[in-house]
Amino acid sequence: MRLFLQKKKELIIYVGKSCHDCKEVIETINKHKASFEVIDIDKGGKKPPLPLFVFPSLFKDEKLIAYGFDIIDWFKVHHQIWFSTNYKGP
């Protein structure tokens, strides 16, 4: 009998110094204890799988999933995280 172990999906949010929405997106998701890694490409962090021109950018297993405030919406849908009605979006 063979057992196949599924690799845990890796969620990474790439940020940069010229990012206008990064702080709000990260803080909003952190309030709900979602699991993800943040990498600042301007501080010599791990390079994204493809060149980025929009920040923040969410990757799941090296695939671009969402960027900007759409990241919050992605977490709402895919991680069933309840968000406060105070969030009105961009």
N, C-alpha and C. Protein backbone atom coordinates (compact mmCIF):
# COMPACT_ATOMS: atom_id res chain seq x y z
N MET A 1 0.84 -1.17 0.00
CA MET A 1 0.00 0.00 0.00
C MET A 1 0.89 1.24 0.00
N ARG A 2 0.58 2.18 -0.87
CA ARG A 2 1.36 3.41 -0.96
C ARG A 2 0.56 4.57 -0.38
N LEU A 3 1.27 5.37 0.34
CA LEU A 3 0.67 6.59 0.85
C LEU A 3 1.30 7.77 0.14
N PHE A 4 0.47 8.65 -0.33
CA PHE A 4 0.97 9.84 -1.01
C PHE A 4 0.74 11.04 -0.09
N LEU A 5 1.81 11.67 0.27
CA LEU A 5 1.71 12.84 1.12
C LEU A 5 1.60 14.08 0.25
N GLN A 6 0.61 14.89 0.52
CA GLN A 6 0.47 16.11 -0.24
C GLN A 6 1.34 17.19 0.39
N LYS A 7 2.05 17.87 -0.47
CA LYS A 7 2.87 18.98 -0.02
C LYS A 7 1.95 20.12 0.40
N LYS A 8 2.27 20.73 1.53
CA LYS A 8 1.49 21.87 2.00
C LYS A 8 1.65 23.01 1.00
N LYS A 9 0.54 23.63 0.66
CA LYS A 9 0.57 24.74 -0.27
C LYS A 9 1.25 25.94 0.39
N GLU A 10 2.19 26.50 -0.31
CA GLU A 10 2.95 27.61 0.24
C GLU A 10 2.38 28.93 -0.28
N LEU A 11 1.96 29.79 0.66
CA LEU A 11 1.44 31.12 0.32
C LEU A 11 2.50 32.16 0.67
N ILE A 12 2.87 32.94 -0.33
CA ILE A 12 3.87 33.98 -0.14
C ILE A 12 3.32 35.29 -0.67
N ILE A 13 3.44 36.34 0.14
CA ILE A 13 3.10 37.68 -0.32
C ILE A 13 4.40 38.45 -0.49
N TYR A 14 4.66 38.88 -1.72
CA TYR A 14 5.85 39.67 -2.02
C TYR A 14 5.50 41.15 -1.88
N VAL A 15 6.37 41.88 -1.18
CA VAL A 15 6.20 43.31 -1.00
C VAL A 15 7.48 44.01 -1.45
N GLY A 16 7.39 45.33 -1.60
CA GLY A 16 8.54 46.13 -1.99
C GLY A 16 8.45 47.51 -1.36
N LYS A 17 9.53 48.26 -1.43
CA LYS A 17 9.56 49.57 -0.77
C LYS A 17 8.61 50.58 -1.40
N SER A 18 8.27 50.42 -2.66
CA SER A 18 7.37 51.38 -3.32
C SER A 18 5.91 50.94 -3.25
N CYS A 19 5.60 50.05 -2.34
CA CYS A 19 4.25 49.50 -2.22
C CYS A 19 3.36 50.42 -1.40
N HIS A 20 2.24 50.83 -1.98
CA HIS A 20 1.32 51.74 -1.30
C HIS A 20 0.31 51.00 -0.43
N ASP A 21 -0.06 49.78 -0.80
CA ASP A 21 -1.12 49.04 -0.11
C ASP A 21 -0.62 47.90 0.75
N CYS A 22 0.68 47.64 0.73
CA CYS A 22 1.22 46.46 1.42
C CYS A 22 0.88 46.43 2.90
N LYS A 23 1.10 47.52 3.60
CA LYS A 23 0.89 47.54 5.04
C LYS A 23 -0.56 47.21 5.39
N GLU A 24 -1.51 47.84 4.71
CA GLU A 24 -2.93 47.59 5.02
C GLU A 24 -3.34 46.16 4.70
N VAL A 25 -2.88 45.63 3.57
CA VAL A 25 -3.22 44.25 3.20
C VAL A 25 -2.66 43.27 4.22
N ILE A 26 -1.39 43.40 4.56
CA ILE A 26 -0.74 42.48 5.52
C ILE A 26 -1.41 42.59 6.89
N GLU A 27 -1.65 43.80 7.37
CA GLU A 27 -2.27 43.97 8.68
C GLU A 27 -3.68 43.39 8.72
N THR A 28 -4.44 43.57 7.66
CA THR A 28 -5.81 43.04 7.61
C THR A 28 -5.81 41.52 7.67
N ILE A 29 -4.94 40.89 6.92
CA ILE A 29 -4.87 39.43 6.91
C ILE A 29 -4.32 38.91 8.24
N ASN A 30 -3.33 39.58 8.79
CA ASN A 30 -2.74 39.17 10.07
C ASN A 30 -3.76 39.18 11.21
N LYS A 31 -4.70 40.11 11.17
CA LYS A 31 -5.72 40.19 12.22
C LYS A 31 -6.52 38.90 12.33
N HIS A 32 -6.57 38.15 11.24
CA HIS A 32 -7.38 36.94 11.19
C HIS A 32 -6.55 35.68 11.22
N LYS A 33 -5.28 35.85 11.57
CA LYS A 33 -4.38 34.72 11.81
C LYS A 33 -4.25 33.76 10.63
N ALA A 34 -4.26 34.31 9.44
CA ALA A 34 -4.03 33.50 8.25
C ALA A 34 -2.55 33.13 8.18
N SER A 35 -2.26 32.02 7.56
CA SER A 35 -0.89 31.54 7.48
C SER A 35 -0.30 31.88 6.10
N PHE A 36 0.76 32.68 6.12
CA PHE A 36 1.44 33.06 4.88
C PHE A 36 2.81 33.63 5.24
N GLU A 37 3.66 33.72 4.25
CA GLU A 37 4.99 34.29 4.43
C GLU A 37 5.06 35.62 3.68
N VAL A 38 5.75 36.59 4.24
CA VAL A 38 5.94 37.88 3.58
C VAL A 38 7.42 38.00 3.22
N ILE A 39 7.68 38.34 1.96
CA ILE A 39 9.06 38.52 1.52
C ILE A 39 9.19 39.91 0.89
N ASP A 40 10.12 40.69 1.41
CA ASP A 40 10.41 42.02 0.87
C ASP A 40 11.54 41.88 -0.14
N ILE A 41 11.23 42.06 -1.41
CA ILE A 41 12.24 41.84 -2.44
C ILE A 41 13.34 42.91 -2.42
N ASP A 42 13.05 44.05 -1.80
CA ASP A 42 14.05 45.10 -1.72
C ASP A 42 15.05 44.88 -0.58
N LYS A 43 14.80 43.90 0.26
CA LYS A 43 15.72 43.58 1.36
C LYS A 43 16.48 42.30 1.07
N GLY A 44 16.56 41.93 -0.19
CA GLY A 44 17.35 40.77 -0.58
C GLY A 44 16.67 39.44 -0.30
N GLY A 45 15.36 39.45 -0.18
CA GLY A 45 14.63 38.21 0.08
C GLY A 45 14.58 37.33 -1.15
N LYS A 46 13.95 36.20 -0.99
CA LYS A 46 13.77 35.24 -2.07
C LYS A 46 13.13 35.94 -3.28
N LYS A 47 13.64 35.67 -4.45
CA LYS A 47 13.12 36.27 -5.67
C LYS A 47 11.77 35.65 -6.03
N PRO A 48 10.84 36.47 -6.53
CA PRO A 48 9.55 35.92 -6.97
C PRO A 48 9.75 35.05 -8.21
N PRO A 49 8.81 34.13 -8.45
CA PRO A 49 8.93 33.22 -9.60
C PRO A 49 8.87 33.92 -10.95
N LEU A 50 8.34 35.14 -10.99
CA LEU A 50 8.29 35.91 -12.23
C LEU A 50 8.46 37.38 -11.89
N PRO A 51 8.88 38.18 -12.87
CA PRO A 51 9.08 39.61 -12.60
C PRO A 51 7.76 40.27 -12.17
N LEU A 52 7.83 41.10 -11.13
CA LEU A 52 6.63 41.75 -10.61
C LEU A 52 6.69 43.25 -10.84
N PHE A 53 5.52 43.83 -11.11
CA PHE A 53 5.43 45.28 -11.21
C PHE A 53 4.30 45.83 -10.33
N VAL A 54 3.58 44.94 -9.65
CA VAL A 54 2.50 45.32 -8.75
C VAL A 54 2.75 44.65 -7.39
N PHE A 55 2.61 45.46 -6.32
CA PHE A 55 2.78 44.95 -4.97
C PHE A 55 1.60 45.39 -4.11
N PRO A 56 1.21 44.61 -3.14
CA PRO A 56 1.69 43.28 -2.83
C PRO A 56 1.18 42.27 -3.86
N SER A 57 1.90 41.16 -3.98
CA SER A 57 1.53 40.08 -4.89
C SER A 57 1.52 38.76 -4.13
N LEU A 58 0.41 38.02 -4.25
CA LEU A 58 0.25 36.74 -3.57
C LEU A 58 0.52 35.59 -4.52
N PHE A 59 1.42 34.70 -4.09
CA PHE A 59 1.73 33.50 -4.86
C PHE A 59 1.36 32.27 -4.04
N LYS A 60 0.89 31.26 -4.72
CA LYS A 60 0.63 29.96 -4.11
C LYS A 60 1.40 28.94 -4.94
N ASP A 61 2.37 28.33 -4.31
CA ASP A 61 3.24 27.37 -5.02
C ASP A 61 3.77 27.94 -6.33
N GLU A 62 4.29 29.16 -6.26
CA GLU A 62 4.93 29.84 -7.38
C GLU A 62 3.97 30.26 -8.49
N LYS A 63 2.68 30.27 -8.22
CA LYS A 63 1.69 30.73 -9.19
C LYS A 63 1.07 32.01 -8.65
N LEU A 64 1.03 33.06 -9.49
CA LEU A 64 0.43 34.32 -9.08
C LEU A 64 -1.07 34.12 -8.91
N ILE A 65 -1.57 34.44 -7.70
CA ILE A 65 -2.97 34.23 -7.35
C ILE A 65 -3.75 35.54 -7.31
N ALA A 66 -3.16 36.57 -6.70
CA ALA A 66 -3.85 37.86 -6.56
C ALA A 66 -2.82 38.94 -6.25
N TYR A 67 -3.24 40.19 -6.43
CA TYR A 67 -2.36 41.30 -6.07
C TYR A 67 -3.20 42.46 -5.56
N GLY A 68 -2.54 43.37 -4.84
CA GLY A 68 -3.23 44.52 -4.26
C GLY A 68 -4.28 44.08 -3.25
N PHE A 69 -5.37 44.84 -3.18
CA PHE A 69 -6.44 44.55 -2.23
C PHE A 69 -7.20 43.27 -2.58
N ASP A 70 -7.03 42.76 -3.79
CA ASP A 70 -7.66 41.49 -4.17
C ASP A 70 -7.13 40.33 -3.32
N ILE A 71 -5.97 40.51 -2.72
CA ILE A 71 -5.41 39.47 -1.83
C ILE A 71 -6.35 39.25 -0.66
N ILE A 72 -6.90 40.31 -0.10
CA ILE A 72 -7.83 40.18 1.02
C ILE A 72 -9.06 39.38 0.59
N ASP A 73 -9.58 39.68 -0.58
CA ASP A 73 -10.74 38.95 -1.10
C ASP A 73 -10.41 37.48 -1.32
N TRP A 74 -9.20 37.20 -1.79
CA TRP A 74 -8.80 35.81 -2.02
C TRP A 74 -8.81 35.04 -0.70
N PHE A 75 -8.25 35.64 0.36
CA PHE A 75 -8.25 34.98 1.67
C PHE A 75 -9.66 34.79 2.19
N LYS A 76 -10.53 35.74 1.95
CA LYS A 76 -11.93 35.60 2.39
C LYS A 76 -12.56 34.35 1.79
N VAL A 77 -12.37 34.16 0.50
CA VAL A 77 -13.00 33.06 -0.22
C VAL A 77 -12.32 31.72 0.05
N HIS A 78 -11.01 31.70 -0.04
CA HIS A 78 -10.28 30.43 0.01
C HIS A 78 -9.91 29.96 1.41
N HIS A 79 -9.96 30.83 2.36
CA HIS A 79 -9.61 30.43 3.72
C HIS A 79 -10.74 30.69 4.69
N GLN A 80 -11.88 31.05 4.14
CA GLN A 80 -13.09 31.27 4.93
C GLN A 80 -12.81 32.09 6.18
N ILE A 81 -12.05 33.12 5.99
CA ILE A 81 -11.72 34.01 7.09
C ILE A 81 -12.80 35.07 7.16
N TRP A 82 -13.35 35.22 8.34
CA TRP A 82 -14.37 36.24 8.53
C TRP A 82 -13.69 37.57 8.72
N PHE A 83 -14.06 38.53 7.88
CA PHE A 83 -13.49 39.86 7.97
C PHE A 83 -14.52 40.84 8.49
N SER A 84 -14.05 41.79 9.23
CA SER A 84 -14.91 42.82 9.78
C SER A 84 -15.58 43.60 8.66
N THR A 85 -16.78 44.05 8.88
CA THR A 85 -17.47 44.87 7.89
C THR A 85 -16.86 46.25 7.82
N ASN A 86 -15.88 46.55 8.67
CA ASN A 86 -15.20 47.85 8.60
C ASN A 86 -14.35 47.96 7.35
N TYR A 87 -13.92 46.84 6.78
CA TYR A 87 -13.10 46.89 5.58
C TYR A 87 -13.98 47.24 4.40
N LYS A 88 -13.69 48.36 3.76
CA LYS A 88 -14.50 48.83 2.63
C LYS A 88 -13.80 48.62 1.30
N GLY A 89 -12.57 48.13 1.34
CA GLY A 89 -11.84 47.94 0.09
C GLY A 89 -11.09 49.21 -0.29
N PRO A 90 -10.39 49.15 -1.42
CA PRO A 90 -9.56 50.31 -1.82
C PRO A 90 -10.40 51.50 -2.22
